[in-house]
């Protein structure tokens, strides 16, 4: 999967999630509990497609960007700070 595919997956998932809410007359309540199998299917599959698309975008675009930004911290500002009254910690 590449970035355009991931964006399309996320967009299609969002549309699938919104269809039953935007057009409730398209999804009649035929179940004994008043539920619509079509609306439930679209909701579950839309949620999964949205997660797949956003997960791929996070994995390939966002996390590497965050990693690059975090590695830009100057070395003089990173490291452990000693507690007041202690000279430093030693490992045994």
N, C-alpha and C. Protein backbone atom coordinates (compact mmCIF):
# COMPACT_ATOMS: atom_id res chain seq x y z
N UNK A 1 0.86 -1.18 0.00
CA UNK A 1 0.00 0.00 0.00
C UNK A 1 0.90 1.23 0.00
N UNK A 2 0.50 2.22 -0.75
CA UNK A 2 1.25 3.48 -0.77
C UNK A 2 0.36 4.59 -0.20
N UNK A 3 0.89 5.80 -0.16
CA UNK A 3 0.17 6.90 0.49
C UNK A 3 -1.16 7.23 -0.19
N UNK A 4 -1.24 7.33 -1.51
CA UNK A 4 -2.56 7.61 -2.11
C UNK A 4 -3.59 6.51 -1.82
N UNK A 5 -3.14 5.24 -1.81
CA UNK A 5 -4.06 4.16 -1.47
C UNK A 5 -4.54 4.28 -0.04
N UNK A 6 -3.65 4.64 0.88
CA UNK A 6 -4.02 4.78 2.28
C UNK A 6 -5.02 5.92 2.47
N UNK A 7 -4.81 7.01 1.76
CA UNK A 7 -5.74 8.14 1.85
C UNK A 7 -7.10 7.74 1.29
N UNK A 8 -7.10 6.99 0.18
CA UNK A 8 -8.36 6.52 -0.41
C UNK A 8 -9.07 5.55 0.54
N UNK A 9 -8.33 4.64 1.18
CA UNK A 9 -8.92 3.73 2.14
C UNK A 9 -9.57 4.50 3.29
N UNK A 10 -8.85 5.47 3.83
CA UNK A 10 -9.38 6.24 4.96
C UNK A 10 -10.62 7.04 4.53
N UNK A 11 -10.58 7.63 3.34
CA UNK A 11 -11.72 8.41 2.87
C UNK A 11 -12.93 7.53 2.62
N UNK A 12 -12.71 6.37 2.00
CA UNK A 12 -13.82 5.45 1.75
C UNK A 12 -14.40 4.92 3.07
N UNK A 13 -13.54 4.64 4.03
CA UNK A 13 -14.01 4.21 5.34
C UNK A 13 -14.85 5.28 6.01
N UNK A 14 -14.45 6.52 5.89
CA UNK A 14 -15.22 7.61 6.49
C UNK A 14 -16.58 7.74 5.80
N UNK A 15 -16.59 7.62 4.47
CA UNK A 15 -17.86 7.68 3.74
C UNK A 15 -18.77 6.53 4.15
N UNK A 16 -18.21 5.34 4.29
CA UNK A 16 -19.01 4.18 4.71
C UNK A 16 -19.58 4.39 6.11
N UNK A 17 -18.82 5.04 6.97
CA UNK A 17 -19.31 5.34 8.33
C UNK A 17 -20.44 6.37 8.30
N UNK A 18 -20.34 7.34 7.43
CA UNK A 18 -21.30 8.45 7.41
C UNK A 18 -22.58 8.16 6.65
N UNK A 19 -22.57 7.21 5.72
CA UNK A 19 -23.76 6.94 4.91
C UNK A 19 -25.01 6.63 5.75
N UNK A 20 -24.97 5.71 6.71
CA UNK A 20 -26.18 5.43 7.49
C UNK A 20 -26.65 6.63 8.31
N UNK A 21 -25.75 7.49 8.69
CA UNK A 21 -26.13 8.67 9.48
C UNK A 21 -26.69 9.77 8.59
N UNK A 22 -26.16 9.88 7.38
CA UNK A 22 -26.61 10.94 6.47
C UNK A 22 -27.91 10.57 5.76
N UNK A 23 -28.10 9.29 5.45
CA UNK A 23 -29.28 8.84 4.72
C UNK A 23 -29.93 7.66 5.43
N UNK A 24 -30.57 7.88 6.57
CA UNK A 24 -31.15 6.75 7.31
C UNK A 24 -32.28 6.04 6.57
N UNK A 25 -32.94 6.72 5.63
CA UNK A 25 -34.04 6.07 4.90
C UNK A 25 -33.52 4.99 3.96
N UNK A 26 -32.25 5.01 3.58
CA UNK A 26 -31.67 3.98 2.73
C UNK A 26 -31.44 2.67 3.48
N UNK A 27 -31.47 2.72 4.81
CA UNK A 27 -31.14 1.57 5.64
C UNK A 27 -32.31 1.25 6.57
N UNK A 28 -33.33 0.55 6.05
CA UNK A 28 -34.51 0.27 6.88
C UNK A 28 -34.16 -0.67 8.04
N UNK A 29 -34.85 -0.46 9.14
CA UNK A 29 -34.64 -1.27 10.34
C UNK A 29 -35.47 -2.54 10.22
N UNK A 30 -34.84 -3.60 9.74
CA UNK A 30 -35.55 -4.85 9.50
C UNK A 30 -35.31 -5.89 10.58
N UNK A 31 -34.37 -5.67 11.46
CA UNK A 31 -34.07 -6.65 12.50
C UNK A 31 -35.11 -6.64 13.61
N UNK A 32 -35.18 -7.73 14.36
CA UNK A 32 -36.16 -7.82 15.46
C UNK A 32 -35.85 -6.82 16.58
N UNK A 33 -34.60 -6.41 16.66
CA UNK A 33 -34.22 -5.43 17.67
C UNK A 33 -34.21 -4.00 17.13
N UNK A 34 -34.66 -3.81 15.90
CA UNK A 34 -34.72 -2.48 15.31
C UNK A 34 -33.42 -2.05 14.64
N UNK A 35 -32.52 -3.01 14.41
CA UNK A 35 -31.23 -2.70 13.79
C UNK A 35 -31.30 -2.96 12.29
N UNK A 36 -30.41 -2.36 11.58
CA UNK A 36 -30.29 -2.56 10.14
C UNK A 36 -28.97 -3.27 9.86
N UNK A 37 -29.06 -4.44 9.23
CA UNK A 37 -27.85 -5.20 8.92
C UNK A 37 -26.96 -4.42 7.96
N UNK A 38 -27.55 -3.70 7.02
CA UNK A 38 -26.76 -2.90 6.08
C UNK A 38 -25.97 -1.83 6.80
N UNK A 39 -26.64 -1.13 7.71
CA UNK A 39 -25.96 -0.06 8.44
C UNK A 39 -24.87 -0.61 9.34
N UNK A 40 -25.12 -1.75 9.98
CA UNK A 40 -24.10 -2.36 10.83
C UNK A 40 -22.89 -2.79 10.01
N UNK A 41 -23.15 -3.41 8.84
CA UNK A 41 -22.05 -3.86 7.98
C UNK A 41 -21.23 -2.67 7.52
N UNK A 42 -21.90 -1.61 7.06
CA UNK A 42 -21.16 -0.43 6.61
C UNK A 42 -20.38 0.20 7.75
N UNK A 43 -20.96 0.21 8.94
CA UNK A 43 -20.26 0.78 10.09
C UNK A 43 -19.00 0.01 10.44
N UNK A 44 -19.11 -1.32 10.50
CA UNK A 44 -17.94 -2.14 10.86
C UNK A 44 -16.88 -2.08 9.78
N UNK A 45 -17.28 -2.26 8.52
CA UNK A 45 -16.30 -2.25 7.45
C UNK A 45 -15.70 -0.85 7.25
N UNK A 46 -16.51 0.17 7.43
CA UNK A 46 -15.98 1.53 7.34
C UNK A 46 -14.96 1.80 8.41
N UNK A 47 -15.25 1.34 9.63
CA UNK A 47 -14.31 1.51 10.75
C UNK A 47 -12.99 0.79 10.46
N UNK A 48 -13.09 -0.45 9.95
CA UNK A 48 -11.87 -1.20 9.65
C UNK A 48 -11.06 -0.54 8.53
N UNK A 49 -11.73 -0.09 7.49
CA UNK A 49 -11.00 0.57 6.40
C UNK A 49 -10.37 1.88 6.87
N UNK A 50 -11.07 2.61 7.69
CA UNK A 50 -10.52 3.85 8.24
C UNK A 50 -9.28 3.54 9.08
N UNK A 51 -9.35 2.50 9.91
CA UNK A 51 -8.19 2.12 10.72
C UNK A 51 -7.01 1.66 9.85
N UNK A 52 -7.29 0.89 8.81
CA UNK A 52 -6.21 0.45 7.92
C UNK A 52 -5.52 1.64 7.25
N UNK A 53 -6.31 2.55 6.71
CA UNK A 53 -5.73 3.71 6.03
C UNK A 53 -4.96 4.61 6.98
N UNK A 54 -5.57 4.94 8.11
CA UNK A 54 -4.89 5.82 9.07
C UNK A 54 -3.68 5.14 9.70
N UNK A 55 -3.78 3.84 9.94
CA UNK A 55 -2.64 3.12 10.50
C UNK A 55 -1.45 3.14 9.56
N UNK A 56 -1.71 2.95 8.27
CA UNK A 56 -0.61 3.00 7.30
C UNK A 56 -0.01 4.41 7.22
N UNK A 57 -0.86 5.43 7.24
CA UNK A 57 -0.37 6.81 7.19
C UNK A 57 0.47 7.11 8.43
N UNK A 58 0.00 6.69 9.59
CA UNK A 58 0.79 6.90 10.81
C UNK A 58 2.13 6.17 10.74
N UNK A 59 2.09 4.92 10.27
CA UNK A 59 3.30 4.11 10.24
C UNK A 59 4.34 4.62 9.25
N UNK A 60 3.90 5.09 8.09
CA UNK A 60 4.86 5.47 7.06
C UNK A 60 5.16 6.96 6.98
N UNK A 61 4.30 7.80 7.53
CA UNK A 61 4.49 9.24 7.38
C UNK A 61 4.71 9.95 8.72
N UNK A 62 3.83 9.69 9.68
CA UNK A 62 3.85 10.46 10.92
C UNK A 62 4.99 10.01 11.84
N UNK A 63 5.09 8.68 12.10
CA UNK A 63 6.13 8.23 13.02
C UNK A 63 7.53 8.56 12.54
N UNK A 64 7.88 8.38 11.25
CA UNK A 64 9.22 8.79 10.82
C UNK A 64 9.46 10.30 10.99
N UNK A 65 8.44 11.11 10.77
CA UNK A 65 8.58 12.55 10.96
C UNK A 65 8.84 12.87 12.44
N UNK A 66 8.08 12.24 13.31
CA UNK A 66 8.28 12.45 14.75
C UNK A 66 9.67 11.98 15.16
N UNK A 67 10.10 10.85 14.62
CA UNK A 67 11.43 10.33 14.93
C UNK A 67 12.53 11.30 14.47
N UNK A 68 12.39 11.83 13.25
CA UNK A 68 13.38 12.79 12.76
C UNK A 68 13.40 14.05 13.60
N UNK A 69 12.22 14.53 13.99
CA UNK A 69 12.17 15.73 14.81
C UNK A 69 12.76 15.50 16.20
N UNK A 70 12.51 14.31 16.76
CA UNK A 70 13.05 14.00 18.09
C UNK A 70 14.56 13.83 18.05
N UNK A 71 15.11 13.38 16.93
CA UNK A 71 16.55 13.20 16.84
C UNK A 71 17.28 14.52 16.61
N UNK A 72 16.55 15.59 16.37
CA UNK A 72 17.16 16.90 16.14
C UNK A 72 17.48 17.63 17.44
N UNK A 73 17.18 17.03 18.59
CA UNK A 73 17.45 17.67 19.87
C UNK A 73 18.96 17.78 20.04
N UNK A 74 19.47 18.97 20.37
CA UNK A 74 20.92 19.12 20.56
C UNK A 74 21.42 18.24 21.70
N UNK A 75 22.62 17.71 21.54
CA UNK A 75 23.16 16.77 22.53
C UNK A 75 23.43 17.43 23.87
N UNK A 76 23.67 18.73 23.91
CA UNK A 76 23.93 19.41 25.17
C UNK A 76 22.70 19.49 26.06
N UNK A 77 21.52 19.38 25.47
CA UNK A 77 20.29 19.48 26.25
C UNK A 77 19.72 18.13 26.63
N UNK A 78 20.29 17.05 26.13
CA UNK A 78 19.76 15.73 26.46
C UNK A 78 20.64 15.09 27.52
N UNK A 79 20.12 14.09 28.17
CA UNK A 79 20.86 13.36 29.18
C UNK A 79 20.17 13.43 30.52
N UNK A 80 20.73 12.69 31.48
CA UNK A 80 20.14 12.62 32.81
C UNK A 80 20.60 13.81 33.65
N UNK A 81 19.70 14.32 34.42
CA UNK A 81 20.03 15.41 35.34
C UNK A 81 20.15 14.84 36.75
N UNK A 82 21.22 15.19 37.48
CA UNK A 82 21.35 14.68 38.85
C UNK A 82 20.32 15.35 39.77
N UNK A 83 19.89 14.62 40.77
CA UNK A 83 18.97 15.16 41.76
C UNK A 83 19.70 16.14 42.66
N UNK A 84 19.00 17.13 43.22
CA UNK A 84 19.67 18.07 44.12
C UNK A 84 20.30 17.33 45.31
N UNK A 85 21.52 17.65 45.61
CA UNK A 85 22.23 17.03 46.72
C UNK A 85 22.97 15.77 46.34
N UNK A 86 22.90 15.35 45.11
CA UNK A 86 23.60 14.15 44.65
C UNK A 86 24.60 14.53 43.58
N UNK A 87 25.71 13.85 43.57
CA UNK A 87 26.73 14.13 42.57
C UNK A 87 26.45 13.39 41.27
N UNK A 88 25.70 12.36 41.34
CA UNK A 88 25.41 11.55 40.16
C UNK A 88 25.13 10.12 40.57
N UNK A 89 24.54 9.39 39.72
CA UNK A 89 24.23 8.02 40.01
C UNK A 89 25.28 7.11 39.40
N UNK A 90 25.63 6.07 40.12
CA UNK A 90 26.58 5.10 39.59
C UNK A 90 25.89 3.75 39.55
N UNK A 91 26.22 2.98 38.57
CA UNK A 91 25.68 1.64 38.44
C UNK A 91 26.65 0.65 39.04
N UNK A 92 26.14 -0.33 39.72
CA UNK A 92 27.00 -1.35 40.33
C UNK A 92 26.87 -2.64 39.60
